[in-house]
Amino acid sequence: MAAPLLPERVMTTLHTIALAVESLAEEVPRPRLLDGSGVACSDLDTPDKLISHAQELRVFANALSCTRDPALGLSLGLRMHVSAYGILGYTMLASRTLRDALNIALANASLLGSYFTLTLEEDGAEARLVATGYRYAPELMVFNSELCLTSLLTVIQDLLGEAVRPRRVRLPYRPPLHAAAYTEKLGCPVDFGDSRTALCFNAALLDRPLPLADPVTCHHGLQQCQKLDAQLTSRHDVLDQIREHLAGHLSEASNLDRVARSLHRSERTLRRHLQRLNTSYQRLLDEVRYDKARQLLLQTDLPIYLIAEQLGYAETASFRHAFQRWSGQPPSQYRR
């Protein structure tokens, strides 16, 4: 059984949870929303700080728990204006047409921070922004689907400078208890139980000139977007290099200095790099150990003590405690 991609491995910006914290300020105290996420209140004032999807998902779960508002995803998405995306948002505003703006967003997907893979389709008079590939937190799938589609609608309206009513929204799940809120907030038919997740609108809008179009601003903004996207990708590459080294040296319980030398970097530089990504050597080591532990437990008959040795643990009890912390259950129960 292949292990799913861990949400700890994907980095994103703070803009979505900053919006959630601001929107819910009168209902829920900041510390309660951020509880257990590893995000400090002061981090919200640091525009260039990155967090993992796992941290963001924890904030979303806290928000749903605190507000008990099942339609929270819809509400937050409708408040996520194009300016929330920083330089990407302003570059989209300066684009020539809606089509150009959406293509810029899709080409710099890491700056959107979406949990989905987004594509733009055209079928006669209908255009669709299709969201596929959701692979995190099944209990938050409805929330994230709502947040994704309504935020896309808000962006389209901001870009065009006018209210736009979708032709329809397509969703792959059954109507939730708050299904009536969809029609109320979106103003269009909603197809539940569909085969896809999609926001459908008039294709004629794609070639509509944008009111704030400015080719010079768009050109310079696009260069900055590409640079930021490359930086984010390169940061992920370094994390993958660290994980790859650890995966091949778990039995030696490699320290950060050894990893740094293998990557031809100083330990100090690597530690700073990890701090900027809001992670640590120990967190990465835990991720790799957890991945390997699940693989060995599910795909081999090795006794627990030998698995512990392969993961670099001197004592089997230490591995048992760690696995309980990672998965919520002991390794023997996970293996069943």
C-alpha atoms as a PDB file:
ATOM      1  CA  MET A   1       0.000   0.000   0.000  1.00  0.00           C
ATOM      2  CA  ALA A   2       1.559   3.306  -1.088  1.00  0.00           C
ATOM      3  CA  ALA A   3       1.697   5.971   1.603  1.00  0.00           C
ATOM      4  CA  PRO A   4      -0.178   9.185   0.707  1.00  0.00           C
ATOM      5  CA  LEU A   5       1.726  12.392   0.214  1.00  0.00           C
ATOM      6  CA  LEU A   6       2.112  13.948   3.635  1.00  0.00           C
ATOM      7  CA  PRO A   7       0.702  17.470   3.981  1.00  0.00           C
ATOM      8  CA  GLU A   8       3.845  18.356   5.956  1.00  0.00           C
ATOM      9  CA  ARG A   9       5.732  18.201   2.656  1.00  0.00           C
ATOM     10  CA  VAL A  10       3.898  20.970   0.836  1.00  0.00           C
ATOM     11  CA  MET A  11       4.658  24.585   1.705  1.00  0.00           C
ATOM     12  CA  THR A  12       2.352  27.529   1.197  1.00  0.00           C
ATOM     13  CA  THR A  13       1.963  31.147   2.254  1.00  0.00           C
ATOM     14  CA  LEU A  14       0.075  32.489   5.244  1.00  0.00           C
ATOM     15  CA  HIS A  15      -2.545  34.400   3.262  1.00  0.00           C
ATOM     16  CA  THR A  16      -5.436  31.951   3.733  1.00  0.00           C
ATOM     17  CA  ILE A  17      -5.129  31.476   7.480  1.00  0.00           C
ATOM     18  CA  ALA A  18      -4.444  35.193   7.914  1.00  0.00           C
ATOM     19  CA  LEU A  19      -7.799  35.800   6.240  1.00  0.00           C
ATOM     20  CA  ALA A  20      -9.484  33.202   8.457  1.00  0.00           C
ATOM     21  CA  VAL A  21      -8.032  34.741  11.621  1.00  0.00           C
ATOM     22  CA  GLU A  22      -9.073  38.242  10.558  1.00  0.00           C
ATOM     23  CA  SER A  23     -12.568  37.168   9.493  1.00  0.00           C
ATOM     24  CA  LEU A  24     -13.226  35.319  12.744  1.00  0.00           C
ATOM     25  CA  ALA A  25     -11.545  37.840  15.054  1.00  0.00           C
ATOM     26  CA  GLU A  26     -14.804  38.801  16.770  1.00  0.00           C
ATOM     27  CA  GLU A  27     -15.870  35.179  17.286  1.00  0.00           C
ATOM     28  CA  VAL A  28     -12.686  33.261  18.078  1.00  0.00           C
ATOM     29  CA  PRO A  29      -9.458  34.447  19.763  1.00  0.00           C
ATOM     30  CA  ARG A  30      -6.322  34.170  17.643  1.00  0.00           C
ATOM     31  CA  PRO A  31      -4.560  31.694  19.967  1.00  0.00           C
ATOM     32  CA  ARG A  32      -7.540  29.323  19.794  1.00  0.00           C
ATOM     33  CA  LEU A  33      -7.543  29.307  15.987  1.00  0.00           C
ATOM     34  CA  LEU A  34      -3.780  28.731  15.857  1.00  0.00           C
ATOM     35  CA  ASP A  35      -3.743  26.125  18.628  1.00  0.00           C
ATOM     36  CA  GLY A  36      -1.578  23.135  17.760  1.00  0.00           C
ATOM     37  CA  SER A  37      -0.602  24.501  14.338  1.00  0.00           C
ATOM     38  CA  GLY A  38       2.886  25.702  15.230  1.00  0.00           C
ATOM     39  CA  VAL A  39       1.966  29.134  13.832  1.00  0.00           C
ATOM     40  CA  ALA A  40       2.443  32.030  16.253  1.00  0.00           C
ATOM     41  CA  CYS A  41       0.284  35.150  16.281  1.00  0.00           C
ATOM     42  CA  SER A  42       3.375  37.176  15.357  1.00  0.00           C
ATOM     43  CA  ASP A  43       3.874  35.006  12.247  1.00  0.00           C
ATOM     44  CA  LEU A  44       0.742  36.523  10.719  1.00  0.00           C
ATOM     45  CA  ASP A  45       2.611  39.818  10.423  1.00  0.00           C
ATOM     46  CA  THR A  46       5.470  38.188   8.482  1.00  0.00           C
ATOM     47  CA  PRO A  47       4.484  38.223   4.776  1.00  0.00           C
ATOM     48  CA  ASP A  48       7.345  36.037   3.522  1.00  0.00           C
ATOM     49  CA  LYS A  49       6.947  33.255   6.077  1.00  0.00           C
ATOM     50  CA  LEU A  50       5.927  29.855   4.744  1.00  0.00           C
ATOM     51  CA  ILE A  51       3.910  27.180   6.473  1.00  0.00           C
ATOM     52  CA  SER A  52       3.011  23.616   5.578  1.00  0.00           C
ATOM     53  CA  HIS A  53      -0.384  22.453   4.408  1.00  0.00           C
ATOM     54  CA  ALA A  54      -0.561  20.380   7.595  1.00  0.00           C
ATOM     55  CA  GLN A  55      -0.349  23.548   9.675  1.00  0.00           C
ATOM     56  CA  GLU A  56      -2.988  25.271   7.557  1.00  0.00           C
ATOM     57  CA  LEU A  57      -5.305  22.273   7.814  1.00  0.00           C
ATOM     58  CA  ARG A  58      -5.024  22.377  11.591  1.00  0.00           C
ATOM     59  CA  VAL A  59      -6.160  26.018  11.589  1.00  0.00           C
ATOM     60  CA  PHE A  60      -9.109  25.126   9.319  1.00  0.00           C
ATOM     61  CA  ALA A  61     -10.103  22.282  11.658  1.00  0.00           C
ATOM     62  CA  ASN A  62      -9.891  24.649  14.646  1.00  0.00           C
ATOM     63  CA  ALA A  63     -12.040  27.217  12.840  1.00  0.00           C
ATOM     64  CA  LEU A  64     -14.762  24.684  12.057  1.00  0.00           C
ATOM     65  CA  SER A  65     -14.683  23.347  15.610  1.00  0.00           C
ATOM     66  CA  CYS A  66     -14.867  26.803  17.207  1.00  0.00           C
ATOM     67  CA  THR A  67     -17.536  28.320  14.973  1.00  0.00           C
ATOM     68  CA  ARG A  68     -19.590  25.176  14.346  1.00  0.00           C
ATOM     69  CA  ASP A  69     -20.452  26.829  11.031  1.00  0.00           C
ATOM     70  CA  PRO A  70     -20.698  24.096   8.353  1.00  0.00           C
ATOM     71  CA  ALA A  71     -20.789  26.742   5.595  1.00  0.00           C
ATOM     72  CA  LEU A  72     -17.544  28.383   6.746  1.00  0.00           C
ATOM     73  CA  GLY A  73     -15.680  27.308   3.590  1.00  0.00           C
ATOM     74  CA  LEU A  74     -18.214  29.124   1.420  1.00  0.00           C
ATOM     75  CA  SER A  75     -18.018  32.289   3.517  1.00  0.00           C
ATOM     76  CA  LEU A  76     -14.238  32.443   3.662  1.00  0.00           C
ATOM     77  CA  GLY A  77     -13.857  31.820  -0.069  1.00  0.00           C
ATOM     78  CA  LEU A  78     -16.172  34.716  -0.872  1.00  0.00           C
ATOM     79  CA  ARG A  79     -13.912  36.976   1.216  1.00  0.00           C
ATOM     80  CA  MET A  80     -10.683  35.862  -0.428  1.00  0.00           C
ATOM     81  CA  HIS A  81     -10.140  38.726  -2.845  1.00  0.00           C
ATOM     82  CA  VAL A  82      -7.505  38.729  -5.542  1.00  0.00           C
ATOM     83  CA  SER A  83      -5.283  41.081  -3.536  1.00  0.00           C
ATOM     84  CA  ALA A  84      -4.839  38.314  -0.925  1.00  0.00           C
ATOM     85  CA  TYR A  85      -2.516  36.534  -3.373  1.00  0.00           C
ATOM     86  CA  GLY A  86       0.116  39.270  -3.258  1.00  0.00           C
ATOM     87  CA  ILE A  87       2.148  39.855  -6.401  1.00  0.00           C
ATOM     88  CA  LEU A  88       0.283  37.056  -8.196  1.00  0.00           C
ATOM     89  CA  GLY A  89      -3.028  38.812  -7.560  1.00  0.00           C
ATOM     90  CA  TYR A  90      -1.772  42.193  -8.760  1.00  0.00           C
ATOM     91  CA  THR A  91      -0.256  40.614 -11.876  1.00  0.00           C
ATOM     92  CA  MET A  92      -3.605  39.028 -12.652  1.00  0.00           C
ATOM     93  CA  LEU A  93      -5.348  42.381 -12.238  1.00  0.00           C
ATOM     94  CA  ALA A  94      -2.927  43.952 -14.737  1.00  0.00           C
ATOM     95  CA  SER A  95      -3.457  41.175 -17.312  1.00  0.00           C
ATOM     96  CA  ARG A  96      -5.045  41.913 -20.662  1.00  0.00           C
ATOM     97  CA  THR A  97      -8.014  39.516 -20.428  1.00  0.00           C
ATOM     98  CA  LEU A  98      -9.580  37.156 -17.924  1.00  0.00           C
ATOM     99  CA  ARG A  99      -8.122  34.239 -19.904  1.00  0.00           C
ATOM    100  CA  ASP A 100      -4.615  35.681 -19.583  1.00  0.00           C
ATOM    101  CA  ALA A 101      -5.079  36.262 -15.853  1.00  0.00           C
ATOM    102  CA  LEU A 102      -6.305  32.731 -15.177  1.00  0.00           C
ATOM    103  CA  ASN A 103      -3.515  31.205 -17.246  1.00  0.00           C
ATOM    104  CA  ILE A 104      -0.946  33.179 -15.232  1.00  0.00           C
ATOM    105  CA  ALA A 105      -2.462  31.820 -12.009  1.00  0.00           C
ATOM    106  CA  LEU A 106      -2.469  28.240 -13.280  1.00  0.00           C
ATOM    107  CA  ALA A 107       1.122  28.563 -14.515  1.00  0.00           C
ATOM    108  CA  ASN A 108       2.237  29.680 -11.033  1.00  0.00           C
ATOM    109  CA  ALA A 109       0.133  27.217  -9.086  1.00  0.00           C
ATOM    110  CA  SER A 110       2.416  27.084  -6.043  1.00  0.00           C
ATOM    111  CA  LEU A 111       1.567  30.752  -5.358  1.00  0.00           C
ATOM    112  CA  LEU A 112      -2.148  29.932  -5.225  1.00  0.00           C
ATOM    113  CA  GLY A 113      -1.660  27.486  -2.357  1.00  0.00           C
ATOM    114  CA  SER A 114      -4.567  25.306  -3.506  1.00  0.00           C
ATOM    115  CA  TYR A 115      -5.137  21.736  -2.326  1.00  0.00           C
ATOM    116  CA  PHE A 116      -6.254  20.879  -5.840  1.00  0.00           C
ATOM    117  CA  THR A 117      -4.721  20.738  -9.288  1.00  0.00           C
ATOM    118  CA  LEU A 118      -6.576  23.405 -11.259  1.00  0.00           C
ATOM    119  CA  THR A 119      -7.197  23.403 -15.008  1.00  0.00           C
ATOM    120  CA  LEU A 120      -9.185  25.656 -17.352  1.00  0.00           C
ATOM    121  CA  GLU A 121     -11.484  23.976 -19.873  1.00  0.00           C
ATOM    122  CA  GLU A 122     -13.792  25.272 -22.590  1.00  0.00           C
ATOM    123  CA  ASP A 123     -16.814  23.448 -23.958  1.00  0.00           C
ATOM    124  CA  GLY A 124     -18.839  25.570 -26.349  1.00  0.00           C
ATOM    125  CA  ALA A 125     -20.460  28.406 -24.416  1.00  0.00           C
ATOM    126  CA  GLU A 126     -19.219  27.078 -21.069  1.00  0.00           C
ATOM    127  CA  ALA A 127     -15.821  27.539 -19.433  1.00  0.00           C
ATOM    128  CA  ARG A 128     -14.810  25.506 -16.400  1.00  0.00           C
ATOM    129  CA  LEU A 129     -12.222  25.809 -13.706  1.00  0.00           C
ATOM    130  CA  VAL A 130     -11.802  22.169 -12.746  1.00  0.00           C
ATOM    131  CA  ALA A 131     -10.272  21.076  -9.427  1.00  0.00           C
ATOM    132  CA  THR A 132      -8.810  17.568  -9.178  1.00  0.00           C
ATOM    133  CA  GLY A 133      -6.286  15.629  -7.135  1.00  0.00           C
ATOM    134  CA  TYR A 134      -7.412  16.408  -3.577  1.00  0.00           C
ATOM    135  CA  ARG A 135      -5.377  14.142  -1.284  1.00  0.00           C
ATOM    136  CA  TYR A 136      -5.409  15.593   2.219  1.00  0.00           C
ATOM    137  CA  ALA A 137      -7.617  15.411   5.345  1.00  0.00           C
ATOM    138  CA  PRO A 138     -10.770  13.657   4.049  1.00  0.00           C
ATOM    139  CA  GLU A 139     -12.803  15.229   6.868  1.00  0.00           C
ATOM    140  CA  LEU A 140     -11.978  18.673   5.399  1.00  0.00           C
ATOM    141  CA  MET A 141     -12.674  17.786   1.764  1.00  0.00           C
ATOM    142  CA  VAL A 142     -16.057  19.555   1.684  1.00  0.00           C
ATOM    143  CA  PHE A 143     -14.632  22.635   3.421  1.00  0.00           C
ATOM    144  CA  ASN A 144     -11.662  22.828   1.029  1.00  0.00           C
ATOM    145  CA  SER A 145     -13.861  22.261  -2.041  1.00  0.00           C
ATOM    146  CA  GLU A 146     -16.107  25.130  -0.957  1.00  0.00           C
ATOM    147  CA  LEU A 147     -13.147  27.369  -0.197  1.00  0.00           C
ATOM    148  CA  CYS A 148     -11.526  26.592  -3.549  1.00  0.00           C
ATOM    149  CA  LEU A 149     -14.542  27.219  -5.785  1.00  0.00           C
ATOM    150  CA  THR A 150     -15.884  30.289  -4.006  1.00  0.00           C
ATOM    151  CA  SER A 151     -12.433  31.900  -3.847  1.00  0.00           C
ATOM    152  CA  LEU A 152     -12.076  31.331  -7.609  1.00  0.00           C
ATOM    153  CA  LEU A 153     -15.446  33.002  -8.142  1.00  0.00           C
ATOM    154  CA  THR A 154     -14.360  35.956  -5.989  1.00  0.00           C
ATOM    155  CA  VAL A 155     -11.139  36.315  -7.989  1.00  0.00           C
ATOM    156  CA  ILE A 156     -13.041  36.296 -11.294  1.00  0.00           C
ATOM    157  CA  GLN A 157     -15.393  38.992 -10.018  1.00  0.00           C
ATOM    158  CA  ASP A 158     -12.497  41.110  -8.766  1.00  0.00           C
ATOM    159  CA  LEU A 159     -10.680  40.800 -12.090  1.00  0.00           C
ATOM    160  CA  LEU A 160     -13.717  41.780 -14.151  1.00  0.00           C
ATOM    161  CA  GLY A 161     -14.815  44.469 -11.704  1.00  0.00           C
ATOM    162  CA  GLU A 162     -18.400  43.250 -11.676  1.00  0.00           C
ATOM    163  CA  ALA A 163     -20.637  40.644 -10.084  1.00  0.00           C
ATOM    164  CA  VAL A 164     -20.610  37.404 -12.056  1.00  0.00           C
ATOM    165  CA  ARG A 165     -23.128  34.630 -11.608  1.00  0.00           C
ATOM    166  CA  PRO A 166     -21.749  31.153 -12.435  1.00  0.00           C
ATOM    167  CA  ARG A 167     -23.665  28.934 -14.810  1.00  0.00           C
ATOM    168  CA  ARG A 168     -23.404  26.104 -12.261  1.00  0.00           C
ATOM    169  CA  VAL A 169     -21.139  24.438  -9.737  1.00  0.00           C
ATOM    170  CA  ARG A 170     -20.311  20.733  -9.906  1.00  0.00           C
ATOM    171  CA  LEU A 171     -19.383  18.771  -6.781  1.00  0.00           C
ATOM    172  CA  PRO A 172     -18.604  15.058  -6.340  1.00  0.00           C
ATOM    173  CA  TYR A 173     -20.200  14.626  -2.913  1.00  0.00           C
ATOM    174  CA  ARG A 174     -23.786  14.301  -1.740  1.00  0.00           C
ATOM    175  CA  PRO A 175     -25.653  17.415  -0.570  1.00  0.00           C
ATOM    176  CA  PRO A 176     -24.438  18.356   2.934  1.00  0.00           C
ATOM    177  CA  LEU A 177     -26.857  19.549   5.607  1.00  0.00           C
ATOM    178  CA  HIS A 178     -26.100  23.158   4.654  1.00  0.00           C
ATOM    179  CA  ALA A 179     -26.746  22.548   0.929  1.00  0.00           C
ATOM    180  CA  ALA A 180     -29.226  25.447   0.766  1.00  0.00           C
ATOM    181  CA  ALA A 181     -26.364  27.846   1.532  1.00  0.00           C
ATOM    182  CA  TYR A 182     -24.716  26.996  -1.798  1.00  0.00           C
ATOM    183  CA  THR A 183     -27.523  28.403  -3.933  1.00  0.00           C
ATOM    184  CA  GLU A 184     -27.944  31.334  -1.571  1.00  0.00           C
ATOM    185  CA  LYS A 185     -24.277  32.360  -1.661  1.00  0.00           C
ATOM    186  CA  LEU A 186     -23.408  31.378  -5.246  1.00  0.00           C
ATOM    187  CA  GLY A 187     -26.664  32.255  -6.983  1.00  0.00           C
ATOM    188  CA  CYS A 188     -26.524  29.323  -9.399  1.00  0.00           C
ATOM    189  CA  PRO A 189     -27.580  25.675  -9.713  1.00  0.00           C
ATOM    190  CA  VAL A 190     -25.395  23.176  -7.843  1.00  0.00           C
ATOM    191  CA  ASP A 191     -24.905  19.643  -9.170  1.00  0.00           C
ATOM    192  CA  PHE A 192     -24.109  17.423  -6.178  1.00  0.00           C
ATOM    193  CA  GLY A 193     -22.970  13.853  -6.748  1.00  0.00           C
ATOM    194  CA  ASP A 194     -21.255  14.873  -9.981  1.00  0.00           C
ATOM    195  CA  SER A 195     -18.107  13.225 -11.289  1.00  0.00           C
ATOM    196  CA  ARG A 196     -16.039  16.419 -11.001  1.00  0.00           C
ATOM    197  CA  THR A 197     -15.371  19.493  -8.911  1.00  0.00           C
ATOM    198  CA  ALA A 198     -15.800  22.532 -11.142  1.00  0.00           C
ATOM    199  CA  LEU A 199     -16.862  26.166 -11.299  1.00  0.00           C
ATOM    200  CA  CYS A 200     -18.674  26.714 -14.602  1.00  0.00           C
ATOM    201  CA  PHE A 201     -19.210  30.155 -16.157  1.00  0.00           C
ATOM    202  CA  ASN A 202     -19.828  31.794 -19.526  1.00  0.00           C
ATOM    203  CA  ALA A 203     -16.900  31.182 -21.865  1.00  0.00           C
ATOM    204  CA  ALA A 204     -17.429  34.635 -23.425  1.00  0.00           C
ATOM    205  CA  LEU A 205     -16.009  36.137 -20.234  1.00  0.00           C
ATOM    206  CA  LEU A 206     -12.582  34.663 -20.933  1.00  0.00           C
ATOM    207  CA  ASP A 207     -11.765  37.195 -23.632  1.00  0.00           C
ATOM    208  CA  ARG A 208     -13.275  40.145 -21.776  1.00  0.00           C
ATOM    209  CA  PRO A 209     -10.664  42.957 -21.427  1.00  0.00           C
ATOM    210  CA  LEU A 210      -9.854  43.649 -17.784  1.00  0.00           C
ATOM    211  CA  PRO A 211     -10.489  47.208 -16.530  1.00  0.00           C
ATOM    212  CA  LEU A 212      -7.094  47.496 -14.773  1.00  0.00           C
ATOM    213  CA  ALA A 213      -5.014  45.988 -17.578  1.00  0.00           C
ATOM    214  CA  ASP A 214      -1.504  47.400 -17.841  1.00  0.00           C
ATOM    215  CA  PRO A 215       1.029  45.514 -20.000  1.00  0.00           C
ATOM    216  CA  VAL A 216       4.143  46.949 -18.314  1.00  0.00           C
ATOM    217  CA  THR A 217       2.916  46.167 -14.812  1.00  0.00           C
ATOM    218  CA  CYS A 218       1.800  42.722 -15.935  1.00  0.00           C
ATOM    219  CA  HIS A 219       5.196  41.979 -17.492  1.00  0.00           C
ATOM    220  CA  HIS A 220       7.159  42.975 -14.400  1.00  0.00           C
ATOM    221  CA  GLY A 221       4.705  41.201 -12.125  1.00  0.00           C
ATOM    222  CA  LEU A 222       4.958  38.010 -14.139  1.00  0.00           C
ATOM    223  CA  GLN A 223       8.742  38.054 -13.793  1.00  0.00           C
ATOM    224  CA  GLN A 224       8.405  38.348 -10.014  1.00  0.00           C
ATOM    225  CA  CYS A 225       5.827  35.552  -9.922  1.00  0.00           C
ATOM    226  CA  GLN A 226       8.121  33.260 -11.861  1.00  0.00           C
ATOM    227  CA  LYS A 227      10.996  34.095  -9.539  1.00  0.00           C
ATOM    228  CA  LEU A 228       8.927  33.425  -6.415  1.00  0.00           C
ATOM    229  CA  ASP A 229       7.557  30.210  -7.892  1.00  0.00           C
ATOM    230  CA  ALA A 230      11.101  29.043  -8.670  1.00  0.00           C
ATOM    231  CA  GLN A 231      12.251  29.927  -5.149  1.00  0.00           C
ATOM    232  CA  LEU A 232       9.403  27.989  -3.624  1.00  0.00           C
ATOM    233  CA  THR A 233      10.151  25.028  -5.873  1.00  0.00           C
ATOM    234  CA  SER A 234      13.870  25.152  -5.057  1.00  0.00           C
ATOM    235  CA  ARG A 235      13.050  25.209  -1.346  1.00  0.00           C
ATOM    236  CA  HIS A 236      11.002  22.074  -1.835  1.00  0.00           C
ATOM    237  CA  ASP A 237      13.940  20.568  -3.745  1.00  0.00           C
ATOM    238  CA  VAL A 238      16.266  21.114  -0.778  1.00  0.00           C
ATOM    239  CA  LEU A 239      13.759  19.480   1.556  1.00  0.00           C
ATOM    240  CA  ASP A 240      13.504  16.534  -0.826  1.00  0.00           C
ATOM    241  CA  GLN A 241      17.307  16.257  -0.908  1.00  0.00           C
ATOM    242  CA  ILE A 242      17.408  16.139   2.893  1.00  0.00           C
ATOM    243  CA  ARG A 243      14.672  13.517   2.997  1.00  0.00           C
ATOM    244  CA  GLU A 244      16.443  11.439   0.341  1.00  0.00           C
ATOM    245  CA  HIS A 245      19.674  11.454   2.355  1.00  0.00           C
ATOM    246  CA  LEU A 246      17.855  10.504   5.554  1.00  0.00           C
ATOM    247  CA  ALA A 247      15.961   7.698   3.827  1.00  0.00           C
ATOM    248  CA  GLY A 248      19.263   6.087   2.881  1.00  0.00           C
ATOM    249  CA  HIS A 249      20.924   6.561   6.278  1.00  0.00           C
ATOM    250  CA  LEU A 250      18.200   5.973   8.856  1.00  0.00           C
ATOM    251  CA  SER A 251      20.030   3.114  10.560  1.00  0.00           C
ATOM    252  CA  GLU A 252      22.878   5.524  11.278  1.00  0.00           C
ATOM    253  CA  ALA A 253      20.526   8.156  12.728  1.00  0.00           C
ATOM    254  CA  SER A 254      22.307  10.837  10.686  1.00  0.00           C
ATOM    255  CA  ASN A 255      22.714  14.235  12.308  1.00  0.00           C
ATOM    256  CA  LEU A 256      22.209  17.561  10.543  1.00  0.00           C
ATOM    257  CA  ASP A 257      25.924  18.171  10.161  1.00  0.00           C
ATOM    258  CA  ARG A 258      26.358  14.937   8.213  1.00  0.00           C
ATOM    259  CA  VAL A 259      23.388  15.797   6.002  1.00  0.00           C
ATOM    260  CA  ALA A 260      24.740  19.304   5.387  1.00  0.00           C
ATOM    261  CA  ARG A 261      28.140  17.951   4.323  1.00  0.00           C
ATOM    262  CA  SER A 262      26.502  15.491   1.944  1.00  0.00           C
ATOM    263  CA  LEU A 263      24.657  18.423   0.316  1.00  0.00           C
ATOM    264  CA  HIS A 264      27.818  20.581   0.263  1.00  0.00           C
ATOM    265  CA  ARG A 265      26.315  23.135   2.625  1.00  0.00           C
ATOM    266  CA  SER A 266      27.152  24.273   6.130  1.00  0.00           C
ATOM    267  CA  GLU A 267      25.043  23.070   9.038  1.00  0.00           C
ATOM    268  CA  ARG A 268      24.306  26.677   9.968  1.00  0.00           C
ATOM    269  CA  THR A 269      23.053  27.521   6.468  1.00  0.00           C
ATOM    270  CA  LEU A 270      20.865  24.446   6.348  1.00  0.00           C
ATOM    271  CA  ARG A 271      19.415  25.128   9.794  1.00  0.00           C
ATOM    272  CA  ARG A 272      18.519  28.717   8.773  1.00  0.00           C
ATOM    273  CA  HIS A 273      16.945  27.375   5.602  1.00  0.00           C
ATOM    274  CA  LEU A 274      14.770  24.980   7.595  1.00  0.00           C
ATOM    275  CA  GLN A 275      13.760  27.739   9.996  1.00  0.00           C
ATOM    276  CA  ARG A 276      12.612  29.932   7.080  1.00  0.00           C
ATOM    277  CA  LEU A 277      10.448  27.033   5.919  1.00  0.00           C
ATOM    278  CA  ASN A 278       8.983  26.754   9.412  1.00  0.00           C
ATOM    279  CA  THR A 279      10.313  23.225   9.864  1.00  0.00           C
ATOM    280  CA  SER A 280      13.259  21.513  11.523  1.00  0.00           C
ATOM    281  CA  TYR A 281      15.693  18.650  11.094  1.00  0.00           C
ATOM    282  CA  GLN A 282      13.817  16.613  13.716  1.00  0.00           C
ATOM    283  CA  ARG A 283      10.491  17.135  11.949  1.00  0.00           C
ATOM    284  CA  LEU A 284      11.952  15.945   8.639  1.00  0.00           C
ATOM    285  CA  LEU A 285      13.574  12.970  10.351  1.00  0.00           C
ATOM    286  CA  ASP A 286      10.222  12.060  11.906  1.00  0.00           C
ATOM    287  CA  GLU A 287       8.514  12.311   8.496  1.00  0.00           C
ATOM    288  CA  VAL A 288      11.021   9.971   6.852  1.00  0.00           C
ATOM    289  CA  ARG A 289      10.923   7.529   9.753  1.00  0.00           C
ATOM    290  CA  TYR A 290       7.125   7.503   9.688  1.00  0.00           C
ATOM    291  CA  ASP A 291       7.053   6.865   5.924  1.00  0.00           C
ATOM    292  CA  LYS A 292       9.566   4.017   6.254  1.00  0.00           C
ATOM    293  CA  ALA A 293       7.850   2.554   9.320  1.00  0.00           C
ATOM    294  CA  ARG A 294       4.490   2.356   7.557  1.00  0.00           C
ATOM    295  CA  GLN A 295       6.120   0.729   4.546  1.00  0.00           C
ATOM    296  CA  LEU A 296       7.885  -1.911   6.644  1.00  0.00           C
ATOM    297  CA  LEU A 297       4.829  -2.596   8.798  1.00  0.00           C
ATOM    298  CA  LEU A 298       2.489  -3.066   5.835  1.00  0.00           C
ATOM    299  CA  GLN A 299       4.803  -4.705   3.307  1.00  0.00           C
ATOM    300  CA  THR A 300       7.080  -6.938   5.393  1.00  0.00           C
ATOM    301  CA  ASP A 301       6.897  -9.409   8.283  1.00  0.00           C
ATOM    302  CA  LEU A 302       9.909  -7.956  10.080  1.00  0.00           C
ATOM    303  CA  PRO A 303       9.541  -7.989  13.859  1.00  0.00           C
ATOM    304  CA  ILE A 304       9.029  -4.629  15.531  1.00  0.00           C
ATOM    305  CA  TYR A 305      12.483  -4.592  17.117  1.00  0.00           C
ATOM    306  CA  LEU A 306      14.198  -4.996  13.725  1.00  0.00           C
ATOM    307  CA  ILE A 307      12.073  -2.208  12.232  1.00  0.00           C
ATOM    308  CA  ALA A 308      13.114   0.005  15.133  1.00  0.00           C
ATOM    309  CA  GLU A 309      16.782  -0.761  14.380  1.00  0.00           C
ATOM    310  CA  GLN A 310      16.382   0.046  10.692  1.00  0.00           C
ATOM    311  CA  LEU A 311      14.867   3.392  11.632  1.00  0.00           C
ATOM    312  CA  GLY A 312      17.846   4.248  13.842  1.00  0.00           C
ATOM    313  CA  TYR A 313      16.286   3.660  17.249  1.00  0.00           C
ATOM    314  CA  ALA A 314      18.513   2.219  19.967  1.00  0.00           C
ATOM    315  CA  GLU A 315      15.473   1.000  21.907  1.00  0.00           C
ATOM    316  CA  THR A 316      12.283  -0.557  20.576  1.00  0.00           C
ATOM    317  CA  ALA A 317      10.233   1.293  23.204  1.00  0.00           C
ATOM    318  CA  SER A 318      11.359   4.635  21.776  1.00  0.00           C
ATOM    319  CA  PHE A 319      10.079   3.609  18.344  1.00  0.00           C
ATOM    320  CA  ARG A 320       6.757   2.435  19.792  1.00  0.00           C
ATOM    321  CA  HIS A 321       6.231   5.761  21.559  1.00  0.00           C
ATOM    322  CA  ALA A 322       7.156   7.721  18.410  1.00  0.00           C
ATOM    323  CA  PHE A 323       4.821   5.706  16.176  1.00  0.00           C
ATOM    324  CA  GLN A 324       1.986   6.152  18.666  1.00  0.00           C
ATOM    325  CA  ARG A 325       2.579   9.920  18.502  1.00  0.00           C
ATOM    326  CA  TRP A 326       2.666   9.962  14.683  1.00  0.00           C
ATOM    327  CA  SER A 327      -0.325   7.734  13.937  1.00  0.00           C
ATOM    328  CA  GLY A 328      -2.390   7.635  17.114  1.00  0.00           C
ATOM    329  CA  GLN A 329      -1.963   3.876  17.442  1.00  0.00           C
ATOM    330  CA  PRO A 330       0.833   1.405  18.301  1.00  0.00           C
ATOM    331  CA  PRO A 331       2.741  -0.215  15.397  1.00  0.00           C
ATOM    332  CA  SER A 332       1.316  -3.686  16.134  1.00  0.00           C
ATOM    333  CA  GLN A 333      -2.243  -2.388  15.765  1.00  0.00           C
ATOM    334  CA  TYR A 334      -1.361  -0.430  12.587  1.00  0.00           C
ATOM    335  CA  ARG A 335       0.052  -3.621  11.047  1.00  0.00           C
ATOM    336  CA  ARG A 336      -3.282  -5.437  11.447  1.00  0.00           C
END
